[in-house]
Structures are given as structure tokens and as C-alpha cells.
Amino acid sequence: MPQFEQIEVFSSLIFWSLTSFTILFLLLKRFAFPPILEVLEERENKIRSEIGDAEKLRQEAEELKVSLGKELKSAHEKAQTIIQMAGDESKKIQEKSIQETQVK
């Protein structure tokens, strides 16, 4: 019967396909997967390190921003004080000139 011959060929094909796949998988597991996993672990470590460095830099930038904000505020207050003193001095000079002109 020709149908049984096809089943026999088909089962033989399945057997050899599974055997080939198993051998290929074992070879890959033994020789190819370890280097691939090593590269992936190195990449993961590098990315984690870079993320940590980026976080440190972000914190430093935030601290600098706060520090510069304080310095800017201090400089602004100092400038306002100088402007106020200059205004007061100009008023004194103006009053002195007015008094001198009134005396003459």
C-alpha cells in the first residue's frame, strides 16, 4: 500500500529533523550562546554604568543651577543696593546744589 510507505518516509523525516535540530541546538548552546550572552552582559553593564553617570551629572547640574540661582539673586540684591545708594547720593548732590544756588 502506497499510503504506508509515505508514513514511513514522513516519520523518518521527522526523526532526522528532530535529531538535526537537537544537535544544532546543543552545538549552539555549547559554542555560540556563551559569547553572545557575554556580549549582552557587557552591554547591559555599560548601559547601567552610563545611566548612573548620567544621573550623577544631572544631580550636579541641579546643584549648580540652585547655586547659580542664589548667586544671581545675591548679585541682583547687591545691584539694587548700589542703585539705591547712587540714587540717594544723587539726591544729596542735587539738594546741595539747590542750597548753594539759593544762598547765592
PDB file of N, CA and C in Angstrom:
ATOM      1  N   MET A   1       0.831  -1.178   0.000  1.00  0.00           N
ATOM      2  CA  MET A   1       0.000   0.000   0.000  1.00  0.00           C
ATOM      3  C   MET A   1       0.880   1.248   0.000  1.00  0.00           C
ATOM      4  N   PRO A   2       0.616   2.126  -0.903  1.00  0.00           N
ATOM      5  CA  PRO A   2       1.464   3.313  -1.031  1.00  0.00           C
ATOM      6  C   PRO A   2       1.308   4.295   0.148  1.00  0.00           C
ATOM      7  N   GLN A   3       0.139   4.287   0.808  1.00  0.00           N
ATOM      8  CA  GLN A   3      -0.053   5.222   1.923  1.00  0.00           C
ATOM      9  C   GLN A   3       0.916   4.928   3.070  1.00  0.00           C
ATOM     10  N   PHE A   4       1.148   3.676   3.365  1.00  0.00           N
ATOM     11  CA  PHE A   4       2.038   3.308   4.459  1.00  0.00           C
ATOM     12  C   PHE A   4       3.494   3.649   4.149  1.00  0.00           C
ATOM     13  N   GLU A   5       3.859   3.594   2.907  1.00  0.00           N
ATOM     14  CA  GLU A   5       5.215   3.964   2.523  1.00  0.00           C
ATOM     15  C   GLU A   5       5.457   5.449   2.781  1.00  0.00           C
ATOM     16  N   GLN A   6       4.454   6.268   2.527  1.00  0.00           N
ATOM     17  CA  GLN A   6       4.579   7.707   2.771  1.00  0.00           C
ATOM     18  C   GLN A   6       4.707   7.994   4.267  1.00  0.00           C
ATOM     19  N   ILE A   7       3.976   7.278   5.091  1.00  0.00           N
ATOM     20  CA  ILE A   7       4.050   7.468   6.537  1.00  0.00           C
ATOM     21  C   ILE A   7       5.441   7.093   7.029  1.00  0.00           C
ATOM     22  N   GLU A   8       5.974   6.027   6.471  1.00  0.00           N
ATOM     23  CA  GLU A   8       7.306   5.602   6.880  1.00  0.00           C
ATOM     24  C   GLU A   8       8.343   6.666   6.516  1.00  0.00           C
ATOM     25  N   VAL A   9       8.265   7.222   5.328  1.00  0.00           N
ATOM     26  CA  VAL A   9       9.179   8.283   4.899  1.00  0.00           C
ATOM     27  C   VAL A   9       8.960   9.521   5.760  1.00  0.00           C
ATOM     28  N   PHE A  10       7.712   9.823   6.049  1.00  0.00           N
ATOM     29  CA  PHE A  10       7.372  11.002   6.833  1.00  0.00           C
ATOM     30  C   PHE A  10       7.909  10.887   8.258  1.00  0.00           C
ATOM     31  N   SER A  11       7.747   9.723   8.876  1.00  0.00           N
ATOM     32  CA  SER A  11       8.253   9.533  10.241  1.00  0.00           C
ATOM     33  C   SER A  11       9.777   9.571  10.262  1.00  0.00           C
ATOM     34  N   SER A  12      10.403   9.053   9.239  1.00  0.00           N
ATOM     35  CA  SER A  12      11.859   9.110   9.143  1.00  0.00           C
ATOM     36  C   SER A  12      12.318  10.568   9.013  1.00  0.00           C
ATOM     37  N   LEU A  13      11.588  11.333   8.230  1.00  0.00           N
ATOM     38  CA  LEU A  13      11.908  12.752   8.047  1.00  0.00           C
ATOM     39  C   LEU A  13      11.764  13.517   9.366  1.00  0.00           C
ATOM     40  N   ILE A  14      10.721  13.233  10.104  1.00  0.00           N
ATOM     41  CA  ILE A  14      10.513  13.870  11.409  1.00  0.00           C
ATOM     42  C   ILE A  14      11.659  13.506  12.352  1.00  0.00           C
ATOM     43  N   PHE A  15      12.017  12.233  12.387  1.00  0.00           N
ATOM     44  CA  PHE A  15      13.103  11.781  13.260  1.00  0.00           C
ATOM     45  C   PHE A  15      14.402  12.517  12.945  1.00  0.00           C
ATOM     46  N   TRP A  16      14.781  12.569  11.680  1.00  0.00           N
ATOM     47  CA  TRP A  16      16.041  13.207  11.317  1.00  0.00           C
ATOM     48  C   TRP A  16      15.981  14.723  11.497  1.00  0.00           C
ATOM     49  N   SER A  17      14.838  15.309  11.292  1.00  0.00           N
ATOM     50  CA  SER A  17      14.693  16.751  11.533  1.00  0.00           C
ATOM     51  C   SER A  17      14.883  17.069  13.010  1.00  0.00           C
ATOM     52  N   LEU A  18      14.242  16.281  13.871  1.00  0.00           N
ATOM     53  CA  LEU A  18      14.393  16.492  15.315  1.00  0.00           C
ATOM     54  C   LEU A  18      15.831  16.231  15.769  1.00  0.00           C
ATOM     55  N   THR A  19      16.427  15.187  15.216  1.00  0.00           N
ATOM     56  CA  THR A  19      17.812  14.879  15.567  1.00  0.00           C
ATOM     57  C   THR A  19      18.749  16.011  15.129  1.00  0.00           C
ATOM     58  N   SER A  20      18.573  16.485  13.922  1.00  0.00           N
ATOM     59  CA  SER A  20      19.408  17.586  13.417  1.00  0.00           C
ATOM     60  C   SER A  20      19.202  18.846  14.253  1.00  0.00           C
ATOM     61  N   PHE A  21      17.961  19.133  14.563  1.00  0.00           N
ATOM     62  CA  PHE A  21      17.662  20.315  15.378  1.00  0.00           C
ATOM     63  C   PHE A  21      18.305  20.200  16.762  1.00  0.00           C
ATOM     64  N   THR A  22      18.210  19.031  17.360  1.00  0.00           N
ATOM     65  CA  THR A  22      18.789  18.818  18.693  1.00  0.00           C
ATOM     66  C   THR A  22      20.302  18.982  18.664  1.00  0.00           C
ATOM     67  N   ILE A  23      20.937  18.391  17.671  1.00  0.00           N
ATOM     68  CA  ILE A  23      22.398  18.516  17.548  1.00  0.00           C
ATOM     69  C   ILE A  23      22.790  19.975  17.321  1.00  0.00           C
ATOM     70  N   LEU A  24      22.074  20.646  16.437  1.00  0.00           N
ATOM     71  CA  LEU A  24      22.350  22.054  16.168  1.00  0.00           C
ATOM     72  C   LEU A  24      22.163  22.896  17.431  1.00  0.00           C
ATOM     73  N   PHE A  25      21.091  22.638  18.147  1.00  0.00           N
ATOM     74  CA  PHE A  25      20.829  23.384  19.382  1.00  0.00           C
ATOM     75  C   PHE A  25      21.938  23.165  20.409  1.00  0.00           C
ATOM     76  N   LEU A  26      22.373  21.924  20.570  1.00  0.00           N
ATOM     77  CA  LEU A  26      23.438  21.627  21.535  1.00  0.00           C
ATOM     78  C   LEU A  26      24.757  22.289  21.129  1.00  0.00           C
ATOM     79  N   LEU A  27      25.055  22.282  19.839  1.00  0.00           N
ATOM     80  CA  LEU A  27      26.271  22.951  19.369  1.00  0.00           C
ATOM     81  C   LEU A  27      26.205  24.460  19.608  1.00  0.00           C
ATOM     82  N   LEU A  28      25.056  25.034  19.293  1.00  0.00           N
ATOM     83  CA  LEU A  28      24.885  26.470  19.536  1.00  0.00           C
ATOM     84  C   LEU A  28      24.985  26.793  21.023  1.00  0.00           C
ATOM     85  N   LYS A  29      24.366  25.948  21.845  1.00  0.00           N
ATOM     86  CA  LYS A  29      24.395  26.166  23.291  1.00  0.00           C
ATOM     87  C   LYS A  29      25.824  26.084  23.809  1.00  0.00           C
ATOM     88  N   ARG A  30      26.586  25.191  23.265  1.00  0.00           N
ATOM     89  CA  ARG A  30      27.957  24.971  23.741  1.00  0.00           C
ATOM     90  C   ARG A  30      28.917  26.054  23.241  1.00  0.00           C
ATOM     91  N   PHE A  31      28.795  26.480  21.969  1.00  0.00           N
ATOM     92  CA  PHE A  31      29.797  27.354  21.371  1.00  0.00           C
ATOM     93  C   PHE A  31      29.313  28.770  21.055  1.00  0.00           C
ATOM     94  N   ALA A  32      28.081  28.947  20.689  1.00  0.00           N
ATOM     95  CA  ALA A  32      27.626  30.265  20.235  1.00  0.00           C
ATOM     96  C   ALA A  32      26.958  31.077  21.342  1.00  0.00           C
ATOM     97  N   PHE A  33      26.168  30.454  22.177  1.00  0.00           N
ATOM     98  CA  PHE A  33      25.413  31.203  23.185  1.00  0.00           C
ATOM     99  C   PHE A  33      26.295  31.876  24.235  1.00  0.00           C
ATOM    100  N   PRO A  34      27.346  31.217  24.753  1.00  0.00           N
ATOM    101  CA  PRO A  34      28.159  31.894  25.781  1.00  0.00           C
ATOM    102  C   PRO A  34      28.771  33.225  25.318  1.00  0.00           C
ATOM    103  N   PRO A  35      29.385  33.297  24.135  1.00  0.00           N
ATOM    104  CA  PRO A  35      29.912  34.604  23.709  1.00  0.00           C
ATOM    105  C   PRO A  35      28.803  35.646  23.511  1.00  0.00           C
ATOM    106  N   ILE A  36      27.674  35.202  22.992  1.00  0.00           N
ATOM    107  CA  ILE A  36      26.560  36.129  22.794  1.00  0.00           C
ATOM    108  C   ILE A  36      26.071  36.649  24.140  1.00  0.00           C
ATOM    109  N   LEU A  37      25.917  35.760  25.104  1.00  0.00           N
ATOM    110  CA  LEU A  37      25.469  36.177  26.433  1.00  0.00           C
ATOM    111  C   LEU A  37      26.497  37.087  27.100  1.00  0.00           C
ATOM    112  N   GLU A  38      27.769  36.798  26.877  1.00  0.00           N
ATOM    113  CA  GLU A  38      28.823  37.646  27.447  1.00  0.00           C
ATOM    114  C   GLU A  38      28.747  39.063  26.878  1.00  0.00           C
ATOM    115  N   VAL A  39      28.557  39.169  25.579  1.00  0.00           N
ATOM    116  CA  VAL A  39      28.431  40.484  24.946  1.00  0.00           C
ATOM    117  C   VAL A  39      27.200  41.210  25.479  1.00  0.00           C
ATOM    118  N   LEU A  40      26.102  40.487  25.627  1.00  0.00           N
ATOM    119  CA  LEU A  40      24.888  41.113  26.154  1.00  0.00           C
ATOM    120  C   LEU A  40      25.081  41.598  27.590  1.00  0.00           C
ATOM    121  N   GLU A  41      25.781  40.820  28.408  1.00  0.00           N
ATOM    122  CA  GLU A  41      26.042  41.231  29.793  1.00  0.00           C
ATOM    123  C   GLU A  41      26.950  42.458  29.839  1.00  0.00           C
ATOM    124  N   GLU A  42      27.980  42.475  28.989  1.00  0.00           N
ATOM    125  CA  GLU A  42      28.861  43.641  28.926  1.00  0.00           C
ATOM    126  C   GLU A  42      28.082  44.881  28.512  1.00  0.00           C
ATOM    127  N   ARG A  43      27.216  44.712  27.538  1.00  0.00           N
ATOM    128  CA  ARG A  43      26.409  45.840  27.068  1.00  0.00           C
ATOM    129  C   ARG A  43      25.480  46.325  28.177  1.00  0.00           C
ATOM    130  N   GLU A  44      24.861  45.388  28.886  1.00  0.00           N
ATOM    131  CA  GLU A  44      23.972  45.755  29.987  1.00  0.00           C
ATOM    132  C   GLU A  44      24.740  46.514  31.068  1.00  0.00           C
ATOM    133  N   ASN A  45      25.931  46.034  31.418  1.00  0.00           N
ATOM    134  CA  ASN A  45      26.744  46.712  32.430  1.00  0.00           C
ATOM    135  C   ASN A  45      27.151  48.110  31.978  1.00  0.00           C
ATOM    136  N   LYS A  46      27.516  48.219  30.706  1.00  0.00           N
ATOM    137  CA  LYS A  46      27.902  49.527  30.167  1.00  0.00           C
ATOM    138  C   LYS A  46      26.723  50.491  30.217  1.00  0.00           C
ATOM    139  N   ILE A  47      25.553  50.028  29.834  1.00  0.00           N
ATOM    140  CA  ILE A  47      24.365  50.884  29.850  1.00  0.00           C
ATOM    141  C   ILE A  47      24.022  51.297  31.275  1.00  0.00           C
ATOM    142  N   ARG A  48      24.089  50.346  32.208  1.00  0.00           N
ATOM    143  CA  ARG A  48      23.817  50.684  33.616  1.00  0.00           C
ATOM    144  C   ARG A  48      24.823  51.719  34.128  1.00  0.00           C
ATOM    145  N   SER A  49      26.075  51.549  33.762  1.00  0.00           N
ATOM    146  CA  SER A  49      27.107  52.495  34.174  1.00  0.00           C
ATOM    147  C   SER A  49      26.834  53.883  33.599  1.00  0.00           C
ATOM    148  N   GLU A  50      26.477  53.934  32.328  1.00  0.00           N
ATOM    149  CA  GLU A  50      26.194  55.216  31.686  1.00  0.00           C
ATOM    150  C   GLU A  50      24.957  55.874  32.287  1.00  0.00           C
ATOM    151  N   ILE A  51      23.966  55.079  32.641  1.00  0.00           N
ATOM    152  CA  ILE A  51      22.771  55.632  33.289  1.00  0.00           C
ATOM    153  C   ILE A  51      23.148  56.209  34.652  1.00  0.00           C
ATOM    154  N   GLY A  52      23.990  55.498  35.401  1.00  0.00           N
ATOM    155  CA  GLY A  52      24.454  56.005  36.697  1.00  0.00           C
ATOM    156  C   GLY A  52      25.233  57.304  36.548  1.00  0.00           C
ATOM    157  N   ASP A  53      26.124  57.345  35.551  1.00  0.00           N
ATOM    158  CA  ASP A  53      26.893  58.568  35.304  1.00  0.00           C
ATOM    159  C   ASP A  53      25.973  59.723  34.917  1.00  0.00           C
ATOM    160  N   ALA A  54      24.998  59.436  34.086  1.00  0.00           N
ATOM    161  CA  ALA A  54      24.056  60.476  33.667  1.00  0.00           C
ATOM    162  C   ALA A  54      23.265  61.002  34.861  1.00  0.00           C
ATOM    163  N   GLU A  55      22.889  60.122  35.753  1.00  0.00           N
ATOM    164  CA  GLU A  55      22.149  60.543  36.950  1.00  0.00           C
ATOM    165  C   GLU A  55      23.020  61.434  37.834  1.00  0.00           C
ATOM    166  N   LYS A  56      24.293  61.059  38.001  1.00  0.00           N
ATOM    167  CA  LYS A  56      25.213  61.893  38.784  1.00  0.00           C
ATOM    168  C   LYS A  56      25.369  63.271  38.147  1.00  0.00           C
ATOM    169  N   LEU A  57      25.534  63.296  36.829  1.00  0.00           N
ATOM    170  CA  LEU A  57      25.676  64.572  36.132  1.00  0.00           C
ATOM    171  C   LEU A  57      24.414  65.416  36.254  1.00  0.00           C
ATOM    172  N   ARG A  58      23.256  64.770  36.224  1.00  0.00           N
ATOM    173  CA  ARG A  58      22.000  65.505  36.371  1.00  0.00           C
ATOM    174  C   ARG A  58      21.913  66.128  37.760  1.00  0.00           C
ATOM    175  N   GLN A  59      22.312  65.372  38.776  1.00  0.00           N
ATOM    176  CA  GLN A  59      22.289  65.905  40.139  1.00  0.00           C
ATOM    177  C   GLN A  59      23.268  67.068  40.289  1.00  0.00           C
ATOM    178  N   GLU A  60      24.460  66.928  39.713  1.00  0.00           N
ATOM    179  CA  GLU A  60      25.432  68.017  39.768  1.00  0.00           C
ATOM    180  C   GLU A  60      24.896  69.256  39.062  1.00  0.00           C
ATOM    181  N   ALA A  61      24.253  69.058  37.920  1.00  0.00           N
ATOM    182  CA  ALA A  61      23.682  70.186  37.189  1.00  0.00           C
ATOM    183  C   ALA A  61      22.590  70.863  38.015  1.00  0.00           C
ATOM    184  N   GLU A  62      21.779  70.081  38.691  1.00  0.00           N
ATOM    185  CA  GLU A  62      20.726  70.642  39.535  1.00  0.00           C
ATOM    186  C   GLU A  62      21.336  71.451  40.673  1.00  0.00           C
ATOM    187  N   GLU A  63      22.398  70.922  41.301  1.00  0.00           N
ATOM    188  CA  GLU A  63      23.071  71.653  42.375  1.00  0.00           C
ATOM    189  C   GLU A  63      23.679  72.952  41.859  1.00  0.00           C
ATOM    190  N   LEU A  64      24.295  72.901  40.677  1.00  0.00           N
ATOM    191  CA  LEU A  64      24.855  74.112  40.082  1.00  0.00           C
ATOM    192  C   LEU A  64      23.769  75.127  39.766  1.00  0.00           C
ATOM    193  N   LYS A  65      22.640  74.646  39.301  1.00  0.00           N
ATOM    194  CA  LYS A  65      21.527  75.535  38.979  1.00  0.00           C
ATOM    195  C   LYS A  65      21.063  76.267  40.234  1.00  0.00           C
ATOM    196  N   VAL A  66      20.919  75.538  41.332  1.00  0.00           N
ATOM    197  CA  VAL A  66      20.499  76.150  42.592  1.00  0.00           C
ATOM    198  C   VAL A  66      21.555  77.150  43.065  1.00  0.00           C
ATOM    199  N   SER A  67      22.820  76.740  42.999  1.00  0.00           N
ATOM    200  CA  SER A  67      23.911  77.610  43.434  1.00  0.00           C
ATOM    201  C   SER A  67      23.964  78.889  42.600  1.00  0.00           C
ATOM    202  N   LEU A  68      23.868  78.748  41.289  1.00  0.00           N
ATOM    203  CA  LEU A  68      23.900  79.921  40.418  1.00  0.00           C
ATOM    204  C   LEU A  68      22.680  80.809  40.637  1.00  0.00           C
ATOM    205  N   GLY A  69      21.546  80.201  40.926  1.00  0.00           N
ATOM    206  CA  GLY A  69      20.344  80.982  41.232  1.00  0.00           C
ATOM    207  C   GLY A  69      20.549  81.831  42.475  1.00  0.00           C
ATOM    208  N   LYS A  70      21.178  81.250  43.500  1.00  0.00           N
ATOM    209  CA  LYS A  70      21.460  82.004  44.728  1.00  0.00           C
ATOM    210  C   LYS A  70      22.438  83.142  44.447  1.00  0.00           C
ATOM    211  N   GLU A  71      23.488  82.840  43.682  1.00  0.00           N
ATOM    212  CA  GLU A  71      24.468  83.872  43.345  1.00  0.00           C
ATOM    213  C   GLU A  71      23.830  84.988  42.532  1.00  0.00           C
ATOM    214  N   LEU A  72      22.968  84.634  41.603  1.00  0.00           N
ATOM    215  CA  LEU A  72      22.289  85.635  40.788  1.00  0.00           C
ATOM    216  C   LEU A  72      21.391  86.514  41.652  1.00  0.00           C
ATOM    217  N   LYS A  73      20.687  85.898  42.576  1.00  0.00           N
ATOM    218  CA  LYS A  73      19.822  86.660  43.476  1.00  0.00           C
ATOM    219  C   LYS A  73      20.656  87.608  44.332  1.00  0.00           C
ATOM    220  N   SER A  74      21.785  87.112  44.839  1.00  0.00           N
ATOM    221  CA  SER A  74      22.676  87.943  45.644  1.00  0.00           C
ATOM    222  C   SER A  74      23.216  89.115  44.825  1.00  0.00           C
ATOM    223  N   ALA A  75      23.629  88.846  43.596  1.00  0.00           N
ATOM    224  CA  ALA A  75      24.145  89.903  42.724  1.00  0.00           C
ATOM    225  C   ALA A  75      23.058  90.923  42.411  1.00  0.00           C
ATOM    226  N   HIS A  76      21.842  90.455  42.202  1.00  0.00           N
ATOM    227  CA  HIS A  76      20.723  91.361  41.923  1.00  0.00           C
ATOM    228  C   HIS A  76      20.455  92.258  43.133  1.00  0.00           C
ATOM    229  N   GLU A  77      20.474  91.673  44.326  1.00  0.00           N
ATOM    230  CA  GLU A  77      20.262  92.459  45.543  1.00  0.00           C
ATOM    231  C   GLU A  77      21.382  93.480  45.727  1.00  0.00           C
ATOM    232  N   LYS A  78      22.619  93.069  45.439  1.00  0.00           N
ATOM    233  CA  LYS A  78      23.752  93.984  45.553  1.00  0.00           C
ATOM    234  C   LYS A  78      23.613  95.127  44.549  1.00  0.00           C
ATOM    235  N   ALA A  79      23.198  94.802  43.339  1.00  0.00           N
ATOM    236  CA  ALA A  79      22.996  95.832  42.319  1.00  0.00           C
ATOM    237  C   ALA A  79      21.897  96.799  42.749  1.00  0.00           C
ATOM    238  N   GLN A  80      20.826  96.285  43.324  1.00  0.00           N
ATOM    239  CA  GLN A  80      19.746  97.156  43.800  1.00  0.00           C
ATOM    240  C   GLN A  80      20.250  98.080  44.911  1.00  0.00           C
ATOM    241  N   THR A  81      21.088  97.548  45.787  1.00  0.00           N
ATOM    242  CA  THR A  81      21.661  98.363  46.860  1.00  0.00           C
ATOM    243  C   THR A  81      22.533  99.473  46.283  1.00  0.00           C
ATOM    244  N   ILE A  82      23.354  99.128  45.301  1.00  0.00           N
ATOM    245  CA  ILE A  82      24.222 100.128  44.667  1.00  0.00           C
ATOM    246  C   ILE A  82      23.378 101.186  43.973  1.00  0.00           C
ATOM    247  N   ILE A  83      22.335 100.764  43.280  1.00  0.00           N
ATOM    248  CA  ILE A  83      21.446 101.714  42.604  1.00  0.00           C
ATOM    249  C   ILE A  83      20.780 102.630  43.623  1.00  0.00           C
ATOM    250  N   GLN A  84      20.326 102.051  44.717  1.00  0.00           N
ATOM    251  CA  GLN A  84      19.685 102.847  45.768  1.00  0.00           C
ATOM    252  C   GLN A  84      20.672 103.859  46.355  1.00  0.00           C
ATOM    253  N   MET A  85      21.901 103.401  46.619  1.00  0.00           N
ATOM    254  CA  MET A  85      22.921 104.302  47.167  1.00  0.00           C
ATOM    255  C   MET A  85      23.249 105.417  46.176  1.00  0.00           C
ATOM    256  N   ALA A  86      23.346 105.069  44.894  1.00  0.00           N
ATOM    257  CA  ALA A  86      23.627 106.078  43.873  1.00  0.00           C
ATOM    258  C   ALA A  86      22.484 107.082  43.798  1.00  0.00           C
ATOM    259  N   GLY A  87      21.243 106.587  43.893  1.00  0.00           N
ATOM    260  CA  GLY A  87      20.091 107.497  43.884  1.00  0.00           C
ATOM    261  C   GLY A  87      20.110 108.419  45.083  1.00  0.00           C
ATOM    262  N   ASP A  88      20.407 107.875  46.253  1.00  0.00           N
ATOM    263  CA  ASP A  88      20.484 108.702  47.464  1.00  0.00           C
ATOM    264  C   ASP A  88      21.592 109.741  47.337  1.00  0.00           C
ATOM    265  N   GLU A  89      22.740 109.321  46.821  1.00  0.00           N
ATOM    266  CA  GLU A  89      23.869 110.239  46.645  1.00  0.00           C
ATOM    267  C   GLU A  89      23.515 111.345  45.658  1.00  0.00           C
ATOM    268  N   SER A  90      22.827 110.972  44.573  1.00  0.00           N
ATOM    269  CA  SER A  90      22.450 111.998  43.592  1.00  0.00           C
ATOM    270  C   SER A  90      21.447 112.976  44.191  1.00  0.00           C
ATOM    271  N   LYS A  91      20.553 112.497  45.045  1.00  0.00           N
ATOM    272  CA  LYS A  91      19.612 113.407  45.716  1.00  0.00           C
ATOM    273  C   LYS A  91      20.359 114.362  46.647  1.00  0.00           C
ATOM    274  N   LYS A  92      21.361 113.861  47.366  1.00  0.00           N
ATOM    275  CA  LYS A  92      22.153 114.716  48.255  1.00  0.00           C
ATOM    276  C   LYS A  92      22.882 115.786  47.454  1.00  0.00           C
ATOM    277  N   ILE A  93      23.480 115.356  46.339  1.00  0.00           N
ATOM    278  CA  ILE A  93      24.198 116.320  45.492  1.00  0.00           C
ATOM    279  C   ILE A  93      23.222 117.345  44.935  1.00  0.00           C
ATOM    280  N   GLN A  94      22.052 116.889  44.516  1.00  0.00           N
ATOM    281  CA  GLN A  94      21.048 117.795  43.966  1.00  0.00           C
ATOM    282  C   GLN A  94      20.591 118.787  45.038  1.00  0.00           C
ATOM    283  N   GLU A  95      20.331 118.302  46.236  1.00  0.00           N
ATOM    284  CA  GLU A  95      19.906 119.190  47.322  1.00  0.00           C
ATOM    285  C   GLU A  95      21.015 120.182  47.680  1.00  0.00           C
ATOM    286  N   LYS A  96      22.253 119.709  47.661  1.00  0.00           N
ATOM    287  CA  LYS A  96      23.375 120.584  47.961  1.00  0.00           C
ATOM    288  C   LYS A  96      23.491 121.675  46.915  1.00  0.00           C
ATOM    289  N   SER A  97      23.321 121.314  45.622  1.00  0.00           N
ATOM    290  CA  SER A  97      23.384 122.316  44.562  1.00  0.00           C
ATOM    291  C   SER A  97      22.245 123.316  44.684  1.00  0.00           C
ATOM    292  N   ILE A  98      21.065 122.814  45.053  1.00  0.00           N
ATOM    293  CA  ILE A  98      19.921 123.719  45.216  1.00  0.00           C
ATOM    294  C   ILE A  98      20.204 124.688  46.364  1.00  0.00           C
ATOM    295  N   GLN A  99      20.740 124.203  47.441  1.00  0.00           N
ATOM    296  CA  GLN A  99      21.054 125.060  48.585  1.00  0.00           C
ATOM    297  C   GLN A  99      22.130 126.076  48.216  1.00  0.00           C
ATOM    298  N   GLU A 100      23.127 125.654  47.447  1.00  0.00           N
ATOM    299  CA  GLU A 100      24.183 126.577  47.036  1.00  0.00           C
ATOM    300  C   GLU A 100      23.637 127.655  46.121  1.00  0.00           C
ATOM    301  N   THR A 101      22.726 127.272  45.223  1.00  0.00           N
ATOM    302  CA  THR A 101      22.150 128.273  44.320  1.00  0.00           C
ATOM    303  C   THR A 101      21.229 129.214  45.076  1.00  0.00           C
ATOM    304  N   GLN A 102      20.564 128.720  46.100  1.00  0.00           N
ATOM    305  CA  GLN A 102      19.676 129.583  46.881  1.00  0.00           C
ATOM    306  C   GLN A 102      20.496 130.554  47.731  1.00  0.00           C
ATOM    307  N   VAL A 103      21.630 130.148  48.188  1.00  0.00           N
ATOM    308  CA  VAL A 103      22.484 131.001  49.001  1.00  0.00           C
ATOM    309  C   VAL A 103      23.057 132.118  48.148  1.00  0.00           C
ATOM    310  N   LYS A 104      23.341 131.874  46.911  1.00  0.00           N
ATOM    311  CA  LYS A 104      23.934 132.876  46.026  1.00  0.00           C
ATOM    312  C   LYS A 104      22.906 133.827  45.615  1.00  0.00           C
TER     313      LYS A 104
END
